[in-house]
C-alpha cells in the first residue's frame, strides 16, 4: 500500500506530465517551473511551506501548478523584512525611486506578451485584454516616474509676521495590497507604482486562485530591485487564503490597506482597519448602468454596451449590468445588440479572434445559473442566453452564454437590480424621461461607473452635475468599462469611496504634516491671542 505522501507525489507527477503545451510554453517564458511545487512567498528570497494552492485553468480545467502559501511564521518574518526595507527606501530621493520604476516598466514591457498570455491562461480573459492589463501596469509605471518629481506639498501664507506654513508629504511605511482575481496584474500595479514612488514598502496578498500571475510579476520586479541593491521586501509577496488576509488587515504595522473585492468582505476589512485607526482604499462592488437617450449615436452606443456587458465575461468591476433605454429607440437598440450577441466568438481566450472566454471558477458558474433562475422565477423575459454552452469542446471549461433579460418590474431596491452578479448578465429597463433613468441609476447601493449616451448638451450638463449620476466614474458617450490610468479610478457609496491610479490618488499613500516655521525674533500666537504674564 502506498503512503499518503507517495500517493500525493504520484498525483502531482501525473498533473505535471499532463500539462498542455500551451500552458508549459507560457510558464517557461516567465521562468515559472512546472516540475514541482512553487514557493509563493517572497521577501528578498523565495519560500513557502504553508498550505498548497492550486492554480486551475478556467478554460480547460487542468491544474497549472501548485503553489505553497505562507505559514504564520513566514508571514510575520516577511512583514518584519518589509518594515526594514521601508527604512532603506524612505532615504532614497523620490526621483531615484522613479528611476527604479522606469526600469521596472522596461522589464514589464519586455515580458508583456507572455505575461498577458498568463493572465488569459490563469484568469480566463481573452488575450488582447490580458496584454492590455499588463500594459496598464506599464502605463502606471510611466505615470509614477513623472510623479516622483511632482509629489509636492504646499506653502501656506501665515497670518503671523516672520512665519510660513508648509504642508509636507512623507512615506507611510508598509502598505498592504490585497487584490482580486479579475485583474491579477493591473491592480497591484496601480497601488505598487504610486506607493513605491511615495517611499513605502509593499506587501502583496493576491487572490488565491491567481497565484501564478503574482509570482511572475514579483519575479520581474525582484530582478530589478536586486540589480539596484534594493531590498526585495519593498515588493513582498505572501500567497495564501483567508488567514493571510486577516493577518495583514489586522496588523497595526500596516498603516494603509488597499483592498479590492466584494462588498461583503470589504465591509469586514474596513471595520477591522478602522478599529485600529488605520487607513483603507476600498474598491468594491460595481453595479453599473448605461443610459441611452433617443438622440444617441447607436453606432457607438451598441458596441460599447456589448463590450461593457460581455467583455471579460462580465467579470470587470466596471462591467455594464444595467441598461436603461429610452422607449423611442428600444426596439432598434435591442435588435442591434442581439445580433452582436449571436455573432459572439466563444472559446479558448488565447486563440486570436475569441471574444468570450470562461468564467473564472465553477463557483462563478453556479452564481450565474442561480441569477438566471431568479430572473425566470420573477417573470423576466430572457432575450438571449440564459444557460451554459453545450458544445463538447467547451465542456471542460466554465463557459456560460451572455444573457440579456428584461425583468418584469423596475425597482432599484429589488435584488435583481441592486445585487452585483459577477457574470455576463445584462438587465434592461425602458424609460421615458432622463430624470427617471437617473433615479434608477442612483437607486442601487453601489456607485462605481455609469454612462450616458446622448448628443444633447443639456442632458450632459444634468448628468455630470449635482442632479446627475452619483457614481465615481461618470461617462458621456463612453461605456462603463475600460478606464485610463491618468485619472483617479474608484467609486462611491458601497463601492467603498477609494481612489487608485491617477489624479490625486497618490496622496493616500503618504502621511501629511503641517509645519509652521518661525524665522522671526518674536513668538506671537495665532488669532491675536495675548497670553503675556
Protein backbone atom coordinates (compact mmCIF):
# COMPACT_ATOMS: atom_id res chain seq x y z
CA UNK A 1 0.00 0.00 0.00
CA UNK A 2 1.31 3.47 -0.91
CA UNK A 3 1.67 6.11 1.79
CA UNK A 4 -0.36 9.29 1.62
CA UNK A 5 2.75 11.27 0.62
CA UNK A 6 3.56 8.75 -2.09
CA UNK A 7 0.04 8.99 -3.49
CA UNK A 8 0.22 12.79 -3.48
CA UNK A 9 3.58 12.58 -5.26
CA UNK A 10 2.20 10.29 -7.94
CA UNK A 11 -0.81 12.57 -8.44
CA UNK A 12 1.50 15.57 -8.73
CA UNK A 13 3.66 13.84 -11.34
CA UNK A 14 0.55 12.99 -13.34
CA UNK A 15 -0.50 16.63 -13.19
CA UNK A 16 2.87 17.87 -14.43
CA UNK A 17 3.14 15.27 -17.20
CA UNK A 18 -0.36 16.13 -18.37
CA UNK A 19 0.24 19.90 -18.57
CA UNK A 20 -0.72 21.12 -22.03
CA UNK A 21 1.82 22.58 -24.40
CA UNK A 22 0.08 25.97 -24.40
CA UNK A 23 0.45 26.16 -20.62
CA UNK A 24 4.04 24.86 -20.50
CA UNK A 25 5.23 27.38 -23.09
CA UNK A 26 3.70 30.33 -21.24
CA UNK A 27 5.09 29.31 -17.85
CA UNK A 28 8.58 28.65 -19.21
CA UNK A 29 8.64 32.07 -20.92
CA UNK A 30 8.16 33.61 -17.47
CA UNK A 31 10.68 31.35 -15.66
CA UNK A 32 7.95 29.59 -13.70
CA UNK A 33 8.80 25.91 -13.17
CA UNK A 34 6.12 23.25 -13.64
CA UNK A 35 8.00 20.26 -12.31
CA UNK A 36 7.45 20.80 -8.58
CA UNK A 37 5.52 22.86 -6.07
CA UNK A 38 6.26 26.56 -6.44
CA UNK A 39 7.09 28.80 -3.46
CA UNK A 40 4.53 31.59 -3.16
CA UNK A 41 6.25 33.86 -0.64
CA UNK A 42 8.92 36.46 -1.47
CA UNK A 43 10.69 38.92 0.83
CA UNK A 44 14.10 39.06 -0.84
CA UNK A 45 14.18 35.27 -1.11
CA UNK A 46 11.61 32.70 -2.20
CA UNK A 47 9.96 30.39 0.29
CA UNK A 48 6.60 28.97 1.30
CA UNK A 49 5.78 25.93 3.40
CA UNK A 50 2.13 26.59 4.17
CA UNK A 51 -0.97 25.05 2.60
CA UNK A 52 -0.90 24.30 -1.11
CA UNK A 53 -2.89 26.44 -3.53
CA UNK A 54 -3.91 25.05 -6.91
CA UNK A 55 -3.91 27.25 -9.98
CA UNK A 56 -6.64 25.87 -12.25
CA UNK A 57 -7.10 26.92 -15.87
CA UNK A 58 -10.74 28.04 -16.26
CA UNK A 59 -10.71 27.15 -19.97
CA UNK A 60 -9.65 23.51 -19.71
CA UNK A 61 -9.93 22.65 -16.02
CA UNK A 62 -6.30 21.50 -15.90
CA UNK A 63 -4.20 22.19 -12.82
CA UNK A 64 -1.49 24.57 -14.00
CA UNK A 65 0.63 24.49 -10.85
CA UNK A 66 0.62 24.01 -7.11
CA UNK A 67 1.85 26.93 -5.03
CA UNK A 68 2.95 26.80 -1.40
CA UNK A 69 1.45 29.63 0.65
CA UNK A 70 2.79 31.47 3.69
CA UNK A 71 2.77 29.95 7.15
CA UNK A 72 2.09 32.24 10.10
CA UNK A 73 5.79 32.48 10.95
CA UNK A 74 6.75 33.15 7.31
CA UNK A 75 4.14 35.88 7.10
CA UNK A 76 5.42 37.61 10.24
CA UNK A 77 9.02 37.29 9.04
CA UNK A 78 8.07 38.87 5.72
CA UNK A 79 6.34 41.76 7.48
CA UNK A 80 9.43 42.42 9.59
CA UNK A 81 11.61 42.44 6.49
CA UNK A 82 9.20 44.83 4.80
CA UNK A 83 9.42 47.21 7.77
CA UNK A 84 13.23 47.16 7.47
CA UNK A 85 13.00 47.63 3.70
CA UNK A 86 10.91 50.74 4.20
CA UNK A 87 13.64 52.25 6.38
CA UNK A 88 16.00 51.82 3.44
CA UNK A 89 13.60 53.09 0.78
CA UNK A 90 12.45 56.21 2.61
CA UNK A 91 16.03 57.58 2.50
CA UNK A 92 16.17 57.29 -1.28
CA UNK A 93 15.21 60.53 -3.08
CA UNK A 94 11.86 60.29 -4.80
CA UNK A 95 13.33 60.84 -8.31
CA UNK A 96 15.75 57.98 -7.63
CA UNK A 97 12.78 55.79 -6.77
CA UNK A 98 11.28 56.97 -10.05
CA UNK A 99 14.33 55.65 -11.89
CA UNK A 100 13.75 52.22 -10.34
CA UNK A 101 10.13 52.37 -11.54
CA UNK A 102 11.38 53.23 -15.03
CA UNK A 103 13.49 50.08 -15.01
CA UNK A 104 10.55 48.02 -13.74
CA UNK A 105 8.48 49.49 -16.55
CA UNK A 106 11.05 48.35 -19.11
CA UNK A 107 11.24 44.86 -17.58
CA UNK A 108 7.45 44.52 -17.64
CA UNK A 109 7.22 45.76 -21.21
CA UNK A 110 9.80 43.17 -22.30
CA UNK A 111 7.56 40.42 -20.88
CA UNK A 112 4.24 42.00 -21.83
CA UNK A 113 3.05 39.34 -24.26
CA UNK A 114 3.88 36.21 -22.23
CA UNK A 115 2.62 37.87 -19.03
CA UNK A 116 -0.59 38.84 -20.82
CA UNK A 117 -0.93 35.27 -22.04
CA UNK A 118 -0.55 34.05 -18.44
CA UNK A 119 -3.42 36.33 -17.39
CA UNK A 120 -5.55 34.68 -20.10
CA UNK A 121 -4.40 31.21 -19.09
CA UNK A 122 -4.95 31.57 -15.36
CA UNK A 123 -7.75 34.14 -15.09
CA UNK A 124 -9.63 33.46 -18.35
CA UNK A 125 -9.91 36.86 -20.06
CA UNK A 126 -9.16 36.98 -23.80
CA UNK A 127 -5.57 37.61 -24.84
CA UNK A 128 -5.99 41.19 -26.02
CA UNK A 129 -7.45 42.03 -22.60
CA UNK A 130 -4.66 40.13 -20.83
CA UNK A 131 -1.98 42.02 -22.73
CA UNK A 132 -3.90 45.25 -22.18
CA UNK A 133 -3.88 44.59 -18.44
CA UNK A 134 -0.09 44.28 -18.41
CA UNK A 135 0.05 47.49 -20.45
CA UNK A 136 -1.87 49.18 -17.62
CA UNK A 137 0.99 48.29 -15.25
CA UNK A 138 3.49 49.63 -17.80
CA UNK A 139 1.49 52.84 -18.18
CA UNK A 140 1.11 53.47 -14.45
CA UNK A 141 4.87 53.00 -14.06
CA UNK A 142 5.34 55.74 -16.67
CA UNK A 143 2.92 57.91 -14.72
CA UNK A 144 4.69 57.25 -11.41
CA UNK A 145 8.10 58.05 -12.88
CA UNK A 146 6.90 61.57 -13.64
CA UNK A 147 5.02 61.74 -10.37
CA UNK A 148 8.23 61.02 -8.45
CA UNK A 149 9.37 64.56 -9.33
CA UNK A 150 5.99 66.15 -8.60
CA UNK A 151 4.77 64.75 -5.28
CA UNK A 152 4.61 68.25 -3.96
CA UNK A 153 3.47 69.72 -0.70
CA UNK A 154 2.20 73.28 -0.33
CA UNK A 155 3.33 76.61 1.05
CA UNK A 156 0.53 78.32 3.01
CA UNK A 157 0.54 82.01 3.87
CA UNK A 158 0.73 82.63 7.62
CA UNK A 159 -1.15 85.40 9.41
CA UNK A 160 1.89 85.94 11.63
CA UNK A 161 4.81 88.05 10.52
CA UNK A 162 8.03 86.11 10.01
CA UNK A 163 6.23 82.77 9.79
CA UNK A 164 5.49 80.36 6.96
CA UNK A 165 3.42 77.18 6.88
CA UNK A 166 4.33 74.09 4.89
CA UNK A 167 2.23 71.02 4.16
CA UNK A 168 4.75 68.20 3.73
CA UNK A 169 4.13 64.64 2.43
CA UNK A 170 6.24 61.78 3.79
CA UNK A 171 6.09 57.98 3.33
CA UNK A 172 3.59 56.00 5.40
CA UNK A 173 5.65 52.85 5.97
CA UNK A 174 4.34 49.45 4.86
CA UNK A 175 1.27 49.23 2.60
CA UNK A 176 -0.81 46.04 2.41
CA UNK A 177 -2.27 45.37 -1.03
CA UNK A 178 -4.98 42.70 -1.35
CA UNK A 179 -6.04 42.12 -4.94
CA UNK A 180 -8.83 40.18 -6.69
CA UNK A 181 -8.74 37.51 -9.40
CA UNK A 182 -10.26 39.60 -12.19
CA UNK A 183 -7.28 41.96 -12.57
CA UNK A 184 -4.43 39.84 -11.18
CA UNK A 185 -1.69 42.14 -12.54
CA UNK A 186 -3.02 45.68 -13.03
CA UNK A 187 -4.47 46.37 -9.58
CA UNK A 188 -1.16 45.62 -7.88
CA UNK A 189 0.45 47.88 -10.49
CA UNK A 190 -1.86 50.79 -9.66
CA UNK A 191 -1.04 50.51 -5.97
CA UNK A 192 2.61 49.49 -6.05
CA UNK A 193 3.74 52.16 -8.51
CA UNK A 194 2.31 55.10 -6.56
CA UNK A 195 3.17 53.62 -3.17
CA UNK A 196 6.77 52.88 -4.18
CA UNK A 197 7.19 56.38 -5.63
CA UNK A 198 5.97 57.73 -2.28
CA UNK A 199 8.64 55.71 -0.45
CA UNK A 200 6.63 52.82 1.01
CA UNK A 201 7.37 49.12 1.18
CA UNK A 202 4.53 46.94 -0.10
CA UNK A 203 3.18 43.53 0.86
CA UNK A 204 1.03 41.90 -1.82
CA UNK A 205 -1.59 39.30 -0.95
CA UNK A 206 -3.07 38.18 -4.30
CA UNK A 207 -6.20 36.17 -4.92
CA UNK A 208 -5.54 32.51 -4.02
CA UNK A 209 -6.94 31.48 -7.42
CA UNK A 210 -4.39 33.50 -9.47
CA UNK A 211 -1.07 32.85 -7.70
CA UNK A 212 0.98 32.39 -10.88
CA UNK A 213 0.31 35.93 -12.16
CA UNK A 214 1.54 37.39 -8.87
CA UNK A 215 4.64 35.15 -8.85
CA UNK A 216 5.51 36.16 -12.43
CA UNK A 217 5.11 39.87 -11.68
CA UNK A 218 7.11 39.59 -8.45
CA UNK A 219 9.95 37.81 -10.25
CA UNK A 220 10.17 40.65 -12.77
CA UNK A 221 10.19 43.34 -10.07
CA UNK A 222 12.62 41.39 -7.86
CA UNK A 223 15.22 41.20 -10.62
CA UNK A 224 15.21 44.98 -10.97
CA UNK A 225 15.42 45.52 -7.22
CA UNK A 226 18.28 43.06 -6.85
CA UNK A 227 20.21 44.65 -9.69
CA UNK A 228 19.98 48.02 -7.93
CA UNK A 229 20.82 46.76 -4.43
CA UNK A 230 17.33 47.44 -3.05
CA UNK A 231 15.81 45.04 -0.51
CA UNK A 232 13.36 42.69 -2.18
CA UNK A 233 10.87 43.15 0.67
CA UNK A 234 9.90 46.57 -0.68
CA UNK A 235 7.73 44.46 -3.02
CA UNK A 236 6.94 41.40 -0.91
CA UNK A 237 4.54 38.62 -1.87
CA UNK A 238 2.51 36.50 0.55
CA UNK A 239 0.30 33.97 -1.22
CA UNK A 240 -2.42 32.43 0.88
CA UNK A 241 -6.05 32.29 1.85
CA UNK A 242 -8.31 33.98 4.36
CA UNK A 243 -5.93 33.65 7.31
CA UNK A 244 -3.15 35.51 5.49
CA UNK A 245 -5.51 38.31 4.55
CA UNK A 246 -6.84 38.63 8.09
CA UNK A 247 -3.31 38.88 9.49
CA UNK A 248 -2.41 41.69 7.09
CA UNK A 249 -5.63 43.58 7.68
CA UNK A 250 -5.29 43.37 11.46
CA UNK A 251 -1.60 44.24 11.67
CA UNK A 252 -1.01 47.66 13.30
CA UNK A 253 2.34 47.95 11.49
CA UNK A 254 0.46 48.34 8.20
CA UNK A 255 -0.98 51.88 8.27
CA UNK A 256 -2.69 51.56 4.88
CA UNK A 257 -4.60 48.59 3.46
CA UNK A 258 -5.74 48.64 -0.15
CA UNK A 259 -8.43 46.01 -0.74
CA UNK A 260 -10.15 45.05 -3.99
CA UNK A 261 -13.01 42.57 -3.73
CA UNK A 262 -16.62 42.09 -2.77
CA UNK A 263 -18.76 44.48 -0.75
CA UNK A 264 -19.27 41.84 1.96
CA UNK A 265 -15.56 41.26 2.53
CA UNK A 266 -14.79 44.96 2.09
CA UNK A 267 -17.15 45.76 4.94
CA UNK A 268 -15.19 43.39 7.19
CA UNK A 269 -11.85 44.80 6.05
CA UNK A 270 -13.00 48.39 6.56
CA UNK A 271 -14.20 47.74 10.11
CA UNK A 272 -11.05 45.82 11.06
CA UNK A 273 -8.67 48.51 9.81
CA UNK A 274 -10.76 51.34 11.27
CA UNK A 275 -10.79 49.59 14.66
CA UNK A 276 -7.02 50.09 14.84
CA UNK A 277 -7.22 53.59 13.26
CA UNK A 278 -5.59 52.53 10.02
CA UNK A 279 -6.37 53.85 6.53
CA UNK A 280 -8.10 51.97 3.73
CA UNK A 281 -8.51 52.16 -0.02
CA UNK A 282 -11.57 50.07 -0.83
CA UNK A 283 -12.50 49.09 -4.39
CA UNK A 284 -15.65 47.00 -4.02
CA UNK A 285 -18.81 46.22 -5.98
CA UNK A 286 -19.83 47.87 -9.22
CA UNK A 287 -23.43 47.54 -10.44
CA UNK A 288 -23.01 49.81 -13.41
CA UNK A 289 -25.65 51.31 -15.70
CA UNK A 290 -25.70 52.73 -19.21
CA UNK A 291 -28.48 55.14 -20.19
CA UNK A 292 -29.26 55.57 -23.89
CA UNK A 293 -31.19 58.66 -24.96
CA UNK A 294 -33.28 58.90 -28.17
CA UNK A 295 -30.68 61.19 -29.80
CA UNK A 296 -27.75 58.84 -29.08
CA UNK A 297 -25.43 57.66 -31.86
CA UNK A 298 -26.33 53.97 -31.78
CA UNK A 299 -23.36 53.05 -33.97
CA UNK A 300 -21.23 53.97 -30.96
CA UNK A 301 -23.55 53.04 -28.11
CA UNK A 302 -24.42 49.48 -29.16
CA UNK A 303 -20.79 48.21 -29.46
CA UNK A 304 -19.86 49.96 -26.21
CA UNK A 305 -22.70 48.30 -24.29
CA UNK A 306 -21.78 44.99 -25.93
CA UNK A 307 -18.19 45.21 -24.67
CA UNK A 308 -19.28 46.53 -21.29
CA UNK A 309 -21.66 43.62 -20.71
CA UNK A 310 -19.70 40.78 -22.35
CA UNK A 311 -16.03 41.78 -22.05
CA UNK A 312 -14.06 39.69 -19.53
CA UNK A 313 -17.22 37.55 -19.40
CA UNK A 314 -18.87 40.21 -17.26
CA UNK A 315 -16.18 39.95 -14.58
CA UNK A 316 -14.95 43.54 -14.50
CA UNK A 317 -15.82 45.82 -11.61
CA UNK A 318 -16.95 48.24 -14.32
CA UNK A 319 -18.96 45.73 -16.40
CA UNK A 320 -22.31 47.02 -17.65
CA UNK A 321 -25.01 45.20 -15.68
CA UNK A 322 -27.98 47.55 -16.12
CA UNK A 323 -29.18 49.09 -19.39
CA UNK A 324 -31.79 51.84 -19.43
CA UNK A 325 -33.18 52.52 -22.93
CA UNK A 326 -35.43 55.37 -24.00
CA UNK A 327 -38.71 53.99 -25.28
CA UNK A 328 -38.25 55.52 -28.76
CA UNK A 329 -35.08 53.57 -29.56
CA UNK A 330 -35.60 50.38 -27.57
CA UNK A 331 -36.58 48.01 -30.43
CA UNK A 332 -33.79 49.26 -32.71
CA UNK A 333 -31.16 49.09 -29.98
CA UNK A 334 -32.06 45.63 -28.71
CA UNK A 335 -32.22 44.23 -32.26
CA UNK A 336 -28.70 45.50 -32.99
CA UNK A 337 -27.37 44.31 -29.63
CA UNK A 338 -28.82 40.80 -30.02
CA UNK A 339 -27.18 40.48 -33.43
CA UNK A 340 -23.80 41.12 -31.80
CA UNK A 341 -24.55 38.55 -29.11
CA UNK A 342 -25.43 35.93 -31.76
CA UNK A 343 -22.17 36.61 -33.65
CA UNK A 344 -20.04 36.28 -30.49
CA UNK A 345 -16.96 34.08 -30.91
CA UNK A 346 -16.56 31.94 -27.77
CA UNK A 347 -13.68 29.62 -26.90
CA UNK A 348 -10.06 29.49 -25.80
CA UNK A 349 -9.12 33.04 -24.74
CA UNK A 350 -5.60 32.51 -26.08
CA UNK A 351 -6.88 32.00 -29.63
CA UNK A 352 -6.88 35.09 -31.82
CA UNK A 353 -10.41 36.30 -32.54
CA UNK A 354 -12.06 34.85 -29.43
CA UNK A 355 -14.24 37.47 -27.74
CA UNK A 356 -15.69 35.42 -24.89
CA UNK A 357 -13.66 33.28 -22.54
CA UNK A 358 -14.79 31.34 -19.48
CA UNK A 359 -15.90 32.46 -16.06
CA UNK A 360 -13.05 32.16 -13.61
CA UNK A 361 -14.34 29.31 -11.43
CA UNK A 362 -17.00 26.62 -11.24
CA UNK A 363 -18.48 28.54 -8.33
CA UNK A 364 -18.96 31.56 -10.61
CA UNK A 365 -20.93 29.35 -13.00
CA UNK A 366 -23.20 28.47 -10.08
CA UNK A 367 -23.74 32.15 -9.33
CA UNK A 368 -24.68 32.74 -12.97
CA UNK A 369 -27.12 29.81 -13.03
CA UNK A 370 -28.77 30.98 -9.81
CA UNK A 371 -29.12 34.56 -11.09
CA UNK A 372 -30.79 33.39 -14.32
CA UNK A 373 -33.08 31.11 -12.34
CA UNK A 374 -34.10 34.05 -10.14
CA UNK A 375 -34.86 36.17 -13.22
CA UNK A 376 -37.06 33.49 -14.74
CA UNK A 377 -38.77 32.83 -11.41
CA UNK A 378 -39.76 36.51 -11.18
CA UNK A 379 -41.14 36.64 -14.70
CA UNK A 380 -38.26 38.26 -16.60
CA UNK A 381 -38.15 37.87 -20.37
CA UNK A 382 -34.86 36.30 -21.49
CA UNK A 383 -33.99 37.71 -24.91
CA UNK A 384 -30.81 35.70 -25.41
CA UNK A 385 -28.55 33.37 -23.44
CA UNK A 386 -29.61 32.11 -20.06
CA UNK A 387 -27.74 28.82 -19.96
CA UNK A 388 -24.33 27.16 -20.15
CA UNK A 389 -22.84 26.32 -23.53
CA UNK A 390 -23.40 22.70 -24.55
CA UNK A 391 -20.63 22.34 -27.17
CA UNK A 392 -18.36 19.40 -26.42
CA UNK A 393 -15.20 21.44 -26.94
CA UNK A 394 -16.29 23.84 -24.17
CA UNK A 395 -17.33 21.16 -21.72
CA UNK A 396 -14.18 21.23 -19.58
CA UNK A 397 -14.30 24.98 -19.08
CA UNK A 398 -16.53 27.44 -17.23
CA UNK A 399 -18.39 28.76 -20.26
CA UNK A 400 -21.81 30.42 -19.98
CA UNK A 401 -23.95 32.24 -22.51
CA UNK A 402 -24.10 36.03 -22.15
CA UNK A 403 -27.65 36.93 -21.22
CA UNK A 404 -29.97 39.85 -21.93
CA UNK A 405 -33.06 39.97 -19.73
CA UNK A 406 -36.00 42.34 -19.32
CA UNK A 407 -37.21 41.98 -15.71
CA UNK A 408 -40.93 42.28 -15.14
CA UNK A 409 -40.58 45.16 -12.70
CA UNK A 410 -38.15 48.09 -12.37
CA UNK A 411 -37.38 48.62 -8.70
CA UNK A 412 -33.77 49.54 -7.81
CA UNK A 413 -34.37 48.12 -4.32
CA UNK A 414 -35.21 44.67 -5.73
CA UNK A 415 -32.33 42.17 -5.52
CA UNK A 416 -32.43 41.68 -9.30
CA UNK A 417 -31.38 45.30 -9.76
CA UNK A 418 -29.50 46.05 -6.54
CA UNK A 419 -27.20 43.00 -6.44
CA UNK A 420 -24.00 42.83 -8.45
CA UNK A 421 -23.80 39.48 -10.25
CA UNK A 422 -20.24 38.85 -11.45
CA UNK A 423 -21.29 37.24 -14.73
CA UNK A 424 -22.37 38.37 -18.23
CA UNK A 425 -25.99 39.18 -17.39
CA UNK A 426 -27.49 42.46 -18.64
CA UNK A 427 -30.83 43.62 -17.24
CA UNK A 428 -32.82 46.06 -19.39
CA UNK A 429 -35.50 48.62 -18.48
CA UNK A 430 -37.34 51.21 -20.56
CA UNK A 431 -37.76 54.88 -19.57
CA UNK A 432 -39.47 57.98 -20.91
CA UNK A 433 -37.63 60.83 -19.15
CA UNK A 434 -33.94 61.25 -18.28
CA UNK A 435 -34.81 62.08 -14.67
CA UNK A 436 -36.42 58.66 -14.29
CA UNK A 437 -33.33 56.90 -15.64
CA UNK A 438 -31.02 58.91 -13.36
CA UNK A 439 -33.17 57.93 -10.40
CA UNK A 440 -32.82 54.25 -11.34
CA UNK A 441 -29.08 54.69 -11.87
CA UNK A 442 -28.65 56.21 -8.40
CA UNK A 443 -31.11 53.91 -6.64
CA UNK A 444 -28.73 50.98 -6.02
CA UNK A 445 -26.19 50.70 -3.15
CA UNK A 446 -23.13 50.67 -5.44
CA UNK A 447 -21.62 53.68 -7.13
CA UNK A 448 -18.68 52.81 -9.36
CA UNK A 449 -19.31 53.59 -13.03
CA UNK A 450 -22.12 54.94 -15.21
CA UNK A 451 -22.58 56.06 -18.79
CA UNK A 452 -24.94 58.38 -20.68
CA UNK A 453 -25.32 58.23 -24.46
CA UNK A 454 -26.65 61.48 -25.90
CA UNK A 455 -25.85 64.40 -28.22
CA UNK A 456 -27.83 66.93 -26.17
CA UNK A 457 -25.59 69.20 -24.09
CA UNK A 458 -28.43 69.91 -21.68
CA UNK A 459 -28.61 66.21 -20.84
CA UNK A 460 -24.82 66.13 -20.44
CA UNK A 461 -24.91 69.07 -18.03
CA UNK A 462 -27.57 67.45 -15.88
CA UNK A 463 -25.80 64.05 -15.94
CA UNK A 464 -22.41 65.27 -14.68
CA UNK A 465 -23.83 67.85 -12.25
CA UNK A 466 -25.41 67.73 -8.78
CA UNK A 467 -28.69 66.35 -10.15
CA UNK A 468 -26.95 63.64 -12.13
CA UNK A 469 -25.13 60.37 -11.60
CA UNK A 470 -23.77 59.68 -8.11
CA UNK A 471 -21.06 57.24 -9.22
CA UNK A 472 -17.30 57.79 -9.06
CA UNK A 473 -16.94 57.39 -12.84
CA UNK A 474 -19.49 59.40 -14.82
CA UNK A 475 -19.04 58.96 -18.58
CA UNK A 476 -20.66 60.55 -21.61
CA UNK A 477 -20.64 58.68 -24.92
CA UNK A 478 -18.12 56.26 -23.40
CA UNK A 479 -19.03 52.87 -21.93
CA UNK A 480 -18.90 51.99 -18.25
CA UNK A 481 -15.87 49.75 -18.76
CA UNK A 482 -12.29 50.49 -19.78
CA UNK A 483 -10.83 53.35 -17.71
CA UNK A 484 -7.48 55.01 -18.43
CA UNK A 485 -4.73 55.30 -15.82
CA UNK A 486 -4.34 59.08 -15.88
CA UNK A 487 -7.47 59.84 -13.88
CA UNK A 488 -8.38 58.53 -10.44
CA UNK A 489 -10.27 55.23 -10.51
CA UNK A 490 -12.86 54.36 -7.87
CA UNK A 491 -16.44 54.57 -6.73
CA UNK A 492 -18.78 55.96 -4.11
CA UNK A 493 -21.31 54.52 -1.67
CA UNK A 494 -20.88 50.76 -1.10
CA UNK A 495 -18.18 50.67 -3.76
CA UNK A 496 -16.00 51.99 -0.94
CA UNK A 497 -15.02 55.59 -1.78
CA UNK A 498 -11.48 54.50 -2.65
CA UNK A 499 -9.40 56.03 -5.43
CA UNK A 500 -6.47 54.42 -7.22
CA UNK A 501 -4.25 55.13 -10.22
CA UNK A 502 -4.13 58.76 -11.45
CA UNK A 503 -5.38 62.14 -10.32
CA UNK A 504 -4.78 62.81 -6.63
CA UNK A 505 -4.79 59.11 -5.70
CA UNK A 506 -1.09 59.29 -4.73
CA UNK A 507 -1.96 61.48 -1.74
CA UNK A 508 -3.44 58.45 0.04
CA UNK A 509 -0.03 56.77 0.15
CA UNK A 510 1.66 59.45 2.26
CA UNK A 511 1.26 60.95 5.70
CA UNK A 512 0.80 64.71 5.77
CA UNK A 513 2.48 67.07 8.21
CA UNK A 514 1.57 70.72 8.67
CA UNK A 515 4.78 72.53 9.61
CA UNK A 516 4.70 76.10 10.91
CA UNK A 517 8.16 77.68 10.79
CA UNK A 518 9.05 80.84 12.70
CA UNK A 519 12.05 82.72 11.31
CA UNK A 520 11.35 85.96 13.20
CA UNK A 521 12.65 87.33 16.52
CA UNK A 522 9.24 87.04 18.21
CA UNK A 523 6.79 84.25 19.03
CA UNK A 524 3.28 85.65 18.54
CA UNK A 525 0.23 83.42 18.98
CA UNK A 526 -2.31 82.85 16.22
CA UNK A 527 -5.66 84.68 16.15
CA UNK A 528 -4.06 87.56 18.06
CA UNK A 529 -4.22 85.71 21.38
CA UNK A 530 -2.34 87.54 24.14
CA UNK A 531 -1.08 85.25 26.90
CA UNK A 532 1.55 87.51 28.42
CA UNK A 533 2.02 87.37 32.20
